[in-house]
Amino acid sequence: MTIFNTGVNPSSIAISPNGETAYVTNSNNYGIAGNYTVTVLDLITNLPKTTIFDPSFDEPYRMAISKNGKRVYVANSASPSKVGEEGTVTIIDADTANGTVVGLITGFDGPSLR
């Protein structure tokens, strides 16, 4: 059995189509500043690759990986945080070595991918 250190309140995991990389949402429902993150795990070496910090994360809860493995979509379950705003899904480019946030999809009310 392998145990990975990820972040505060890991809430979901998604594995790339090739089985080499996993992404873990850290939803941090304790409200600790700077801890809404996604941890990238290397499943070949069984080591964490990086942790992605991005201001677009708002209690990242679930995620999905595109069929070709190039994009990871992260549902920000606490969005919108203010009345009148729209909820969001963050897009991560899985082709980069450490995963880079490349976009944001708006128009949701408390998104939660299934």
C-alpha atoms as a PDB file:
ATOM      1  CA  MET A   1       0.000   0.000   0.000  1.00  0.00           C
ATOM      2  CA  THR A   2       1.223   3.490  -0.885  1.00  0.00           C
ATOM      3  CA  ILE A   3       0.249   6.538   1.167  1.00  0.00           C
ATOM      4  CA  PHE A   4       0.629  10.025  -0.316  1.00  0.00           C
ATOM      5  CA  ASN A   5       0.748  13.318   1.559  1.00  0.00           C
ATOM      6  CA  THR A   6      -1.473  15.698  -0.371  1.00  0.00           C
ATOM      7  CA  GLY A   7      -3.186  18.627   1.332  1.00  0.00           C
ATOM      8  CA  VAL A   8      -5.919  19.644   3.723  1.00  0.00           C
ATOM      9  CA  ASN A   9      -9.113  17.585   3.257  1.00  0.00           C
ATOM     10  CA  PRO A  10      -8.384  15.597   0.093  1.00  0.00           C
ATOM     11  CA  SER A  11     -11.831  15.149  -1.425  1.00  0.00           C
ATOM     12  CA  SER A  12     -11.425  13.346  -4.748  1.00  0.00           C
ATOM     13  CA  ILE A  13      -8.929  11.723  -7.061  1.00  0.00           C
ATOM     14  CA  ALA A  14      -8.834  11.430 -10.855  1.00  0.00           C
ATOM     15  CA  ILE A  15      -6.393   9.220 -12.728  1.00  0.00           C
ATOM     16  CA  SER A  16      -5.092  10.052 -16.191  1.00  0.00           C
ATOM     17  CA  PRO A  17      -6.166   7.751 -19.049  1.00  0.00           C
ATOM     18  CA  ASN A  18      -2.640   6.304 -19.291  1.00  0.00           C
ATOM     19  CA  GLY A  19      -2.605   5.517 -15.551  1.00  0.00           C
ATOM     20  CA  GLU A  20       0.630   7.426 -14.921  1.00  0.00           C
ATOM     21  CA  THR A  21      -0.660  10.537 -13.140  1.00  0.00           C
ATOM     22  CA  ALA A  22      -3.298  11.228 -10.522  1.00  0.00           C
ATOM     23  CA  TYR A  23      -4.811  14.527  -9.413  1.00  0.00           C
ATOM     24  CA  VAL A  24      -6.163  15.059  -5.895  1.00  0.00           C
ATOM     25  CA  THR A  25      -8.431  17.957  -4.925  1.00  0.00           C
ATOM     26  CA  ASN A  26      -7.718  19.414  -1.500  1.00  0.00           C
ATOM     27  CA  SER A  27     -10.936  21.154  -0.524  1.00  0.00           C
ATOM     28  CA  ASN A  28      -9.727  22.562   2.812  1.00  0.00           C
ATOM     29  CA  ASN A  29     -13.103  23.100   4.403  1.00  0.00           C
ATOM     30  CA  TYR A  30     -11.334  24.469   7.491  1.00  0.00           C
ATOM     31  CA  GLY A  31     -10.738  27.771   5.681  1.00  0.00           C
ATOM     32  CA  ILE A  32      -6.939  27.716   6.109  1.00  0.00           C
ATOM     33  CA  ALA A  33      -5.548  30.437   3.826  1.00  0.00           C
ATOM     34  CA  GLY A  34      -3.698  29.202   0.735  1.00  0.00           C
ATOM     35  CA  ASN A  35      -4.803  25.590   1.050  1.00  0.00           C
ATOM     36  CA  TYR A  36      -7.332  25.227  -1.778  1.00  0.00           C
ATOM     37  CA  THR A  37      -5.058  23.150  -4.010  1.00  0.00           C
ATOM     38  CA  VAL A  38      -4.713  20.252  -6.407  1.00  0.00           C
ATOM     39  CA  THR A  39      -1.876  17.788  -5.806  1.00  0.00           C
ATOM     40  CA  VAL A  40      -0.347  16.005  -8.805  1.00  0.00           C
ATOM     41  CA  LEU A  41       0.936  12.477  -8.111  1.00  0.00           C
ATOM     42  CA  ASP A  42       3.324  10.413 -10.235  1.00  0.00           C
ATOM     43  CA  LEU A  43       1.918   6.887 -10.131  1.00  0.00           C
ATOM     44  CA  ILE A  44       5.039   5.388 -11.735  1.00  0.00           C
ATOM     45  CA  THR A  45       7.432   6.582  -9.020  1.00  0.00           C
ATOM     46  CA  ASN A  46       4.744   6.784  -6.298  1.00  0.00           C
ATOM     47  CA  LEU A  47       5.845  10.321  -5.455  1.00  0.00           C
ATOM     48  CA  PRO A  48       4.029  13.645  -5.411  1.00  0.00           C
ATOM     49  CA  LYS A  49       5.052  15.748  -8.442  1.00  0.00           C
ATOM     50  CA  THR A  50       3.706  19.114  -7.359  1.00  0.00           C
ATOM     51  CA  THR A  51       0.879  20.938  -5.685  1.00  0.00           C
ATOM     52  CA  ILE A  52      -0.984  23.482  -7.791  1.00  0.00           C
ATOM     53  CA  PHE A  53      -1.998  26.704  -6.039  1.00  0.00           C
ATOM     54  CA  ASP A  54      -4.308  29.005  -7.977  1.00  0.00           C
ATOM     55  CA  PRO A  55      -6.594  31.837  -6.865  1.00  0.00           C
ATOM     56  CA  SER A  56      -9.413  30.349  -8.956  1.00  0.00           C
ATOM     57  CA  PHE A  57      -9.699  27.352  -6.601  1.00  0.00           C
ATOM     58  CA  ASP A  58     -12.632  27.751  -4.180  1.00  0.00           C
ATOM     59  CA  GLU A  59     -13.043  24.509  -2.233  1.00  0.00           C
ATOM     60  CA  PRO A  60     -12.069  22.314  -5.186  1.00  0.00           C
ATOM     61  CA  TYR A  61     -14.232  19.264  -4.730  1.00  0.00           C
ATOM     62  CA  ARG A  62     -14.374  16.922  -7.705  1.00  0.00           C
ATOM     63  CA  MET A  63     -12.671  16.793 -11.054  1.00  0.00           C
ATOM     64  CA  ALA A  64     -12.722  15.091 -14.411  1.00  0.00           C
ATOM     65  CA  ILE A  65      -9.975  14.434 -16.948  1.00  0.00           C
ATOM     66  CA  SER A  66     -10.601  14.789 -20.662  1.00  0.00           C
ATOM     67  CA  LYS A  67     -10.632  11.573 -22.669  1.00  0.00           C
ATOM     68  CA  ASN A  68      -7.275  12.434 -24.282  1.00  0.00           C
ATOM     69  CA  GLY A  69      -5.754  13.270 -20.878  1.00  0.00           C
ATOM     70  CA  LYS A  70      -4.803  16.825 -21.846  1.00  0.00           C
ATOM     71  CA  ARG A  71      -7.144  18.760 -19.538  1.00  0.00           C
ATOM     72  CA  VAL A  72      -8.301  18.420 -15.947  1.00  0.00           C
ATOM     73  CA  TYR A  73     -11.555  20.159 -14.972  1.00  0.00           C
ATOM     74  CA  VAL A  74     -11.873  21.082 -11.292  1.00  0.00           C
ATOM     75  CA  ALA A  75     -15.292  21.946  -9.819  1.00  0.00           C
ATOM     76  CA  ASN A  76     -15.011  24.775  -7.298  1.00  0.00           C
ATOM     77  CA  SER A  77     -17.822  23.723  -4.984  1.00  0.00           C
ATOM     78  CA  ALA A  78     -17.876  26.895  -2.850  1.00  0.00           C
ATOM     79  CA  SER A  79     -18.310  29.136  -5.860  1.00  0.00           C
ATOM     80  CA  PRO A  80     -19.948  31.503  -6.206  1.00  0.00           C
ATOM     81  CA  SER A  81     -18.741  32.950  -2.915  1.00  0.00           C
ATOM     82  CA  LYS A  82     -20.861  36.094  -3.282  1.00  0.00           C
ATOM     83  CA  VAL A  83     -24.441  36.676  -4.362  1.00  0.00           C
ATOM     84  CA  GLY A  84     -24.581  37.758  -7.990  1.00  0.00           C
ATOM     85  CA  GLU A  85     -21.369  35.980  -8.999  1.00  0.00           C
ATOM     86  CA  GLU A  86     -21.143  32.774 -11.015  1.00  0.00           C
ATOM     87  CA  GLY A  87     -19.698  29.445  -9.918  1.00  0.00           C
ATOM     88  CA  THR A  88     -16.589  28.187 -11.661  1.00  0.00           C
ATOM     89  CA  VAL A  89     -14.723  25.200 -13.017  1.00  0.00           C
ATOM     90  CA  THR A  90     -10.937  25.592 -13.259  1.00  0.00           C
ATOM     91  CA  ILE A  91      -9.109  24.108 -16.257  1.00  0.00           C
ATOM     92  CA  ILE A  92      -5.629  22.599 -15.760  1.00  0.00           C
ATOM     93  CA  ASP A  93      -3.320  21.798 -18.688  1.00  0.00           C
ATOM     94  CA  ALA A  94      -2.193  18.247 -17.945  1.00  0.00           C
ATOM     95  CA  ASP A  95       0.376  18.333 -20.759  1.00  0.00           C
ATOM     96  CA  THR A  96       2.710  20.570 -18.762  1.00  0.00           C
ATOM     97  CA  ALA A  97       5.160  18.903 -16.402  1.00  0.00           C
ATOM     98  CA  ASN A  98       3.563  20.262 -13.241  1.00  0.00           C
ATOM     99  CA  GLY A  99       0.052  21.132 -14.419  1.00  0.00           C
ATOM    100  CA  THR A 100      -0.749  24.741 -15.160  1.00  0.00           C
ATOM    101  CA  VAL A 101      -4.087  26.495 -14.775  1.00  0.00           C
ATOM    102  CA  VAL A 102      -5.049  27.669 -18.259  1.00  0.00           C
ATOM    103  CA  GLY A 103      -8.664  28.754 -17.944  1.00  0.00           C
ATOM    104  CA  LEU A 104     -11.894  29.117 -16.074  1.00  0.00           C
ATOM    105  CA  ILE A 105     -15.437  28.191 -17.063  1.00  0.00           C
ATOM    106  CA  THR A 106     -18.173  30.286 -15.415  1.00  0.00           C
ATOM    107  CA  GLY A 107     -21.948  30.068 -15.220  1.00  0.00           C
ATOM    108  CA  PHE A 108     -22.514  27.545 -12.448  1.00  0.00           C
ATOM    109  CA  ASP A 109     -24.127  27.601  -9.033  1.00  0.00           C
ATOM    110  CA  GLY A 110     -22.013  25.456  -6.707  1.00  0.00           C
ATOM    111  CA  PRO A 111     -20.567  23.121  -9.361  1.00  0.00           C
ATOM    112  CA  SER A 112     -19.903  19.505  -8.513  1.00  0.00           C
ATOM    113  CA  LEU A 113     -18.785  17.185 -11.309  1.00  0.00           C
ATOM    114  CA  ARG A 114     -19.931  13.578 -11.167  1.00  0.00           C
END
